Structures are given as C-alpha cells and as structure tokens.
C-alpha cells in the first residue's frame, strides 16, 4: 500500500485498490532472506511492489570482494576489476564482502 500511496503523490496513478487475495512474494522464496536485514532498512520490500528489476540492469559493486559461490551470485557475475588486489579476481580476501 505504501507504493500505491507514493505513486498517488507523484501523480502517476489513475486507479489503485488493494486485492483481497494473497500470493507468494519473490522475497518469500529466498532461503537467505532472514539474514538480509539491510533490505528492510533501505525499504526494498516497498520498492519491489513497484518493480523487481530486469536482467538488462547491471549493478556495479565496490567492496572488498564477493563470494563467487554465493547462491544469489552464481552465474550472474560479469568480468570486472579487483581494485583491492589489483587483478581480475573479485574473490574476497579479507572476509568483509558478500555475506
């Protein structure tokens, strides 16, 4: 409902109503969702009501590295540059990156 209210404020909504039924949300299917407390802090669930993104969108990450075997990242990483170690391997060498 918060997403509907926000759309009404910016004048982008012609009609909105709450659907009385229920359905599974994509976030409910993620077995790691319970560990991702930061998503609630940034309001991600509200944003997902508006859009859940598209595969064409590329997100760049600047951190100490990533866990290449993380279930959410398998098959989704593109080649890049590791500015921590100065090579092309994005693996996290100090344990701060992907959780």
N, C-alpha and C. Protein backbone atom coordinates (compact mmCIF):
# COMPACT_ATOMS: atom_id res chain seq x y z
N UNK A 1 0.82 -1.19 0.00
CA UNK A 1 0.00 0.00 0.00
C UNK A 1 0.86 1.25 0.00
N UNK A 2 2.04 1.19 0.64
CA UNK A 2 2.92 2.36 0.65
C UNK A 2 3.32 2.75 -0.77
N UNK A 3 3.56 1.75 -1.63
CA UNK A 3 3.95 2.04 -3.01
C UNK A 3 2.81 2.74 -3.74
N UNK A 4 1.58 2.31 -3.49
CA UNK A 4 0.41 2.95 -4.11
C UNK A 4 0.31 4.40 -3.66
N UNK A 5 0.50 4.64 -2.36
CA UNK A 5 0.45 6.00 -1.83
C UNK A 5 1.51 6.87 -2.48
N UNK A 6 2.71 6.34 -2.62
CA UNK A 6 3.80 7.12 -3.22
C UNK A 6 3.49 7.45 -4.68
N UNK A 7 2.94 6.51 -5.41
CA UNK A 7 2.59 6.77 -6.80
C UNK A 7 1.49 7.82 -6.90
N UNK A 8 0.56 7.81 -5.97
CA UNK A 8 -0.51 8.80 -5.97
C UNK A 8 0.05 10.20 -5.73
N UNK A 9 1.05 10.29 -4.86
CA UNK A 9 1.65 11.59 -4.53
C UNK A 9 2.30 12.20 -5.76
N UNK A 10 2.99 11.40 -6.57
CA UNK A 10 3.67 11.95 -7.75
C UNK A 10 2.73 12.07 -8.94
N UNK A 11 1.48 11.71 -8.77
CA UNK A 11 0.50 11.88 -9.84
C UNK A 11 0.61 10.87 -10.97
N UNK A 12 1.20 9.71 -10.70
CA UNK A 12 1.39 8.70 -11.75
C UNK A 12 0.32 7.62 -11.71
N UNK A 13 -0.67 7.75 -10.86
CA UNK A 13 -1.63 6.68 -10.66
C UNK A 13 -3.04 7.14 -11.03
N UNK A 14 -3.70 6.35 -11.88
CA UNK A 14 -5.08 6.66 -12.24
C UNK A 14 -6.06 5.98 -11.30
N UNK A 15 -5.76 4.74 -10.90
CA UNK A 15 -6.64 3.98 -10.04
C UNK A 15 -5.82 2.95 -9.27
N UNK A 16 -6.15 2.74 -8.02
CA UNK A 16 -5.47 1.72 -7.22
C UNK A 16 -6.45 1.14 -6.22
N UNK A 17 -6.32 -0.16 -5.98
CA UNK A 17 -7.16 -0.83 -4.99
C UNK A 17 -6.38 -2.00 -4.43
N UNK A 18 -6.62 -2.31 -3.18
CA UNK A 18 -5.98 -3.48 -2.58
C UNK A 18 -6.70 -4.73 -3.02
N UNK A 19 -5.96 -5.73 -3.43
CA UNK A 19 -6.52 -7.01 -3.83
C UNK A 19 -6.72 -7.84 -2.57
N UNK A 20 -7.92 -8.36 -2.33
CA UNK A 20 -8.18 -9.07 -1.08
C UNK A 20 -7.52 -10.44 -0.99
N UNK A 21 -7.04 -10.98 -2.09
CA UNK A 21 -6.40 -12.29 -2.08
C UNK A 21 -4.99 -12.22 -1.53
N UNK A 22 -4.29 -13.32 -1.60
CA UNK A 22 -2.89 -13.33 -1.17
C UNK A 22 -2.09 -14.11 -2.20
N UNK A 23 -0.81 -13.84 -2.25
CA UNK A 23 0.08 -14.52 -3.19
C UNK A 23 1.48 -14.55 -2.59
N UNK A 24 2.28 -15.45 -3.10
CA UNK A 24 3.65 -15.55 -2.63
C UNK A 24 4.49 -14.45 -3.25
N UNK A 25 5.33 -13.85 -2.46
CA UNK A 25 6.23 -12.81 -2.95
C UNK A 25 7.57 -13.45 -3.29
N UNK A 26 8.30 -12.87 -4.22
CA UNK A 26 9.60 -13.41 -4.61
C UNK A 26 10.53 -13.48 -3.41
N UNK A 27 10.47 -12.48 -2.53
CA UNK A 27 11.36 -12.47 -1.38
C UNK A 27 11.08 -13.62 -0.42
N UNK A 28 9.82 -14.12 -0.39
CA UNK A 28 9.48 -15.23 0.49
C UNK A 28 10.15 -16.53 0.07
N UNK A 29 10.50 -16.65 -1.20
CA UNK A 29 11.11 -17.87 -1.71
C UNK A 29 12.62 -17.90 -1.48
N UNK A 30 13.21 -16.79 -1.06
CA UNK A 30 14.66 -16.71 -0.87
C UNK A 30 15.03 -17.29 0.49
N UNK A 31 15.76 -18.42 0.52
CA UNK A 31 16.11 -19.03 1.80
C UNK A 31 17.06 -18.17 2.63
N UNK A 32 17.71 -17.20 2.01
CA UNK A 32 18.65 -16.33 2.73
C UNK A 32 18.00 -15.02 3.20
N UNK A 33 16.71 -14.83 2.92
CA UNK A 33 16.04 -13.56 3.22
C UNK A 33 16.13 -13.19 4.70
N UNK A 34 16.07 -14.15 5.59
CA UNK A 34 16.14 -13.87 7.03
C UNK A 34 17.45 -13.23 7.46
N UNK A 35 18.51 -13.43 6.70
CA UNK A 35 19.81 -12.86 7.02
C UNK A 35 20.02 -11.49 6.38
N UNK A 36 19.11 -11.06 5.55
CA UNK A 36 19.29 -9.82 4.79
C UNK A 36 18.52 -8.66 5.43
N UNK A 37 18.84 -8.36 6.68
CA UNK A 37 18.15 -7.32 7.44
C UNK A 37 18.28 -5.94 6.81
N UNK A 38 19.35 -5.72 6.07
CA UNK A 38 19.57 -4.39 5.48
C UNK A 38 18.53 -4.05 4.41
N UNK A 39 17.92 -5.06 3.79
CA UNK A 39 16.90 -4.79 2.78
C UNK A 39 15.70 -4.05 3.37
N UNK A 40 15.35 -4.38 4.61
CA UNK A 40 14.25 -3.68 5.27
C UNK A 40 14.65 -2.25 5.62
N UNK A 41 15.91 -2.05 5.99
CA UNK A 41 16.37 -0.70 6.35
C UNK A 41 16.32 0.27 5.18
N UNK A 42 16.56 -0.22 3.97
CA UNK A 42 16.55 0.67 2.80
C UNK A 42 15.19 0.70 2.11
N UNK A 43 14.21 -0.02 2.67
CA UNK A 43 12.86 0.00 2.10
C UNK A 43 12.70 -0.84 0.84
N UNK A 44 13.54 -1.85 0.66
CA UNK A 44 13.48 -2.67 -0.55
C UNK A 44 12.12 -3.35 -0.76
N UNK A 45 11.49 -3.92 0.28
CA UNK A 45 10.18 -4.55 0.04
C UNK A 45 9.15 -3.59 -0.56
N UNK A 46 9.17 -2.34 -0.14
CA UNK A 46 8.25 -1.35 -0.71
C UNK A 46 8.59 -1.09 -2.17
N UNK A 47 9.87 -0.99 -2.48
CA UNK A 47 10.30 -0.76 -3.86
C UNK A 47 9.94 -1.94 -4.75
N UNK A 48 10.01 -3.16 -4.23
CA UNK A 48 9.69 -4.35 -5.02
C UNK A 48 8.22 -4.38 -5.42
N UNK A 49 7.37 -3.65 -4.71
CA UNK A 49 5.97 -3.58 -5.09
C UNK A 49 5.79 -2.77 -6.38
N UNK A 50 6.75 -1.90 -6.66
CA UNK A 50 6.72 -1.09 -7.87
C UNK A 50 7.42 -1.82 -9.01
N UNK A 51 8.61 -2.39 -8.74
CA UNK A 51 9.37 -3.11 -9.76
C UNK A 51 10.35 -4.06 -9.08
N UNK A 52 10.55 -5.22 -9.69
CA UNK A 52 11.55 -6.16 -9.18
C UNK A 52 12.76 -6.20 -10.08
N UNK A 53 12.88 -5.22 -10.96
CA UNK A 53 14.06 -5.12 -11.81
C UNK A 53 13.96 -5.91 -13.09
N UNK A 54 15.03 -5.80 -13.89
CA UNK A 54 15.13 -6.52 -15.16
C UNK A 54 16.55 -7.05 -15.31
N UNK A 55 16.70 -8.14 -16.04
CA UNK A 55 18.03 -8.74 -16.24
C UNK A 55 18.97 -7.81 -17.00
N UNK A 56 18.41 -6.85 -17.75
CA UNK A 56 19.25 -5.94 -18.53
C UNK A 56 19.97 -4.92 -17.64
N UNK A 57 19.52 -4.77 -16.41
CA UNK A 57 20.11 -3.79 -15.49
C UNK A 57 21.38 -4.38 -14.88
N UNK A 58 22.45 -3.64 -14.93
CA UNK A 58 23.74 -4.07 -14.37
C UNK A 58 24.06 -3.20 -13.17
N UNK A 59 24.41 -3.85 -12.07
CA UNK A 59 24.77 -3.14 -10.84
C UNK A 59 26.25 -3.34 -10.59
N UNK A 60 26.97 -2.25 -10.34
CA UNK A 60 28.40 -2.33 -10.03
C UNK A 60 28.56 -2.33 -8.52
N UNK A 61 29.49 -3.11 -8.03
CA UNK A 61 29.71 -3.24 -6.60
C UNK A 61 31.13 -2.81 -6.26
N UNK A 62 31.24 -1.92 -5.31
CA UNK A 62 32.57 -1.53 -4.82
C UNK A 62 32.63 -1.99 -3.37
N UNK A 63 33.43 -2.99 -3.10
CA UNK A 63 33.56 -3.57 -1.77
C UNK A 63 34.90 -4.29 -1.74
N UNK A 64 35.13 -5.06 -0.69
CA UNK A 64 36.40 -5.77 -0.60
C UNK A 64 36.41 -7.05 -1.41
N UNK A 65 35.28 -7.41 -1.99
CA UNK A 65 35.22 -8.61 -2.82
C UNK A 65 33.88 -9.31 -2.69
N UNK A 66 33.72 -10.40 -3.42
CA UNK A 66 32.48 -11.17 -3.40
C UNK A 66 32.77 -12.65 -3.20
N UNK A 67 31.77 -13.35 -2.69
CA UNK A 67 31.83 -14.80 -2.57
C UNK A 67 31.35 -15.38 -3.89
N UNK A 68 32.26 -15.91 -4.68
CA UNK A 68 31.92 -16.40 -6.01
C UNK A 68 30.96 -17.59 -5.99
N UNK A 69 30.84 -18.27 -4.85
CA UNK A 69 29.95 -19.42 -4.73
C UNK A 69 28.62 -19.07 -4.05
N UNK A 70 28.38 -17.80 -3.77
CA UNK A 70 27.14 -17.38 -3.11
C UNK A 70 25.95 -17.71 -4.02
N UNK A 71 24.90 -18.36 -3.49
CA UNK A 71 23.77 -18.78 -4.32
C UNK A 71 23.11 -17.64 -5.10
N UNK A 72 23.10 -16.44 -4.56
CA UNK A 72 22.47 -15.31 -5.26
C UNK A 72 23.35 -14.75 -6.38
N UNK A 73 24.62 -15.13 -6.42
CA UNK A 73 25.54 -14.58 -7.41
C UNK A 73 25.97 -15.57 -8.48
N UNK A 74 25.75 -16.87 -8.26
CA UNK A 74 26.18 -17.88 -9.23
C UNK A 74 25.58 -17.60 -10.61
N UNK A 75 26.44 -17.51 -11.60
CA UNK A 75 26.01 -17.28 -12.97
C UNK A 75 25.55 -15.86 -13.26
N UNK A 76 25.77 -14.94 -12.32
CA UNK A 76 25.30 -13.56 -12.51
C UNK A 76 26.41 -12.53 -12.50
N UNK A 77 27.64 -12.95 -12.29
CA UNK A 77 28.75 -12.00 -12.24
C UNK A 77 29.36 -11.80 -13.62
N UNK A 78 29.67 -10.57 -13.92
CA UNK A 78 30.36 -10.24 -15.17
C UNK A 78 31.82 -9.97 -14.86
N UNK A 79 32.70 -10.13 -15.84
CA UNK A 79 34.11 -9.82 -15.59
C UNK A 79 34.26 -8.37 -15.16
N UNK A 80 35.21 -8.13 -14.29
CA UNK A 80 35.44 -6.78 -13.81
C UNK A 80 36.87 -6.61 -13.33
N UNK A 81 37.08 -5.66 -12.48
CA UNK A 81 38.42 -5.35 -11.99
C UNK A 81 38.40 -5.35 -10.47
N UNK A 82 39.39 -5.98 -9.86
CA UNK A 82 39.55 -6.01 -8.41
C UNK A 82 40.55 -4.92 -8.03
N UNK A 83 40.07 -3.82 -7.50
CA UNK A 83 40.95 -2.71 -7.16
C UNK A 83 41.62 -2.88 -5.80
N UNK A 84 41.21 -3.90 -5.03
CA UNK A 84 41.86 -4.17 -3.76
C UNK A 84 43.18 -4.89 -3.99
N UNK A 85 43.13 -5.96 -4.81
CA UNK A 85 44.33 -6.76 -5.08
C UNK A 85 45.01 -6.40 -6.40
N UNK A 86 44.36 -5.56 -7.20
CA UNK A 86 44.96 -5.15 -8.48
C UNK A 86 44.93 -6.23 -9.54
N UNK A 87 43.93 -7.13 -9.50
CA UNK A 87 43.83 -8.17 -10.51
C UNK A 87 42.38 -8.27 -10.99
N UNK A 88 42.05 -9.34 -11.71
CA UNK A 88 40.69 -9.51 -12.23
C UNK A 88 39.88 -10.53 -11.42
N UNK A 89 40.40 -10.97 -10.28
CA UNK A 89 39.71 -11.94 -9.43
C UNK A 89 38.95 -11.20 -8.32
N UNK A 90 37.61 -11.21 -8.37
CA UNK A 90 36.85 -10.45 -7.38
C UNK A 90 36.65 -11.16 -6.03
N UNK A 91 37.35 -12.28 -5.81
CA UNK A 91 37.19 -13.01 -4.55
C UNK A 91 37.56 -12.12 -3.36
N UNK A 92 36.83 -12.31 -2.27
CA UNK A 92 37.04 -11.53 -1.06
C UNK A 92 38.20 -12.13 -0.26
N UNK A 93 39.27 -11.39 -0.11
CA UNK A 93 40.46 -11.89 0.58
C UNK A 93 40.43 -11.63 2.09
N UNK A 94 39.57 -10.71 2.55
CA UNK A 94 39.61 -10.38 3.98
C UNK A 94 38.30 -10.63 4.73
N UNK A 95 37.30 -11.22 4.09
CA UNK A 95 36.08 -11.61 4.78
C UNK A 95 35.05 -10.52 5.00
N UNK A 96 35.21 -9.36 4.38
CA UNK A 96 34.25 -8.28 4.58
C UNK A 96 33.15 -8.25 3.52
N UNK A 97 33.40 -8.78 2.35
CA UNK A 97 32.47 -8.68 1.21
C UNK A 97 31.14 -9.38 1.40
N UNK A 98 30.75 -10.20 0.44
CA UNK A 98 29.45 -10.87 0.43
C UNK A 98 29.19 -11.63 1.73
N UNK A 99 27.98 -11.49 2.25
CA UNK A 99 27.58 -12.24 3.46
C UNK A 99 26.42 -13.14 3.12
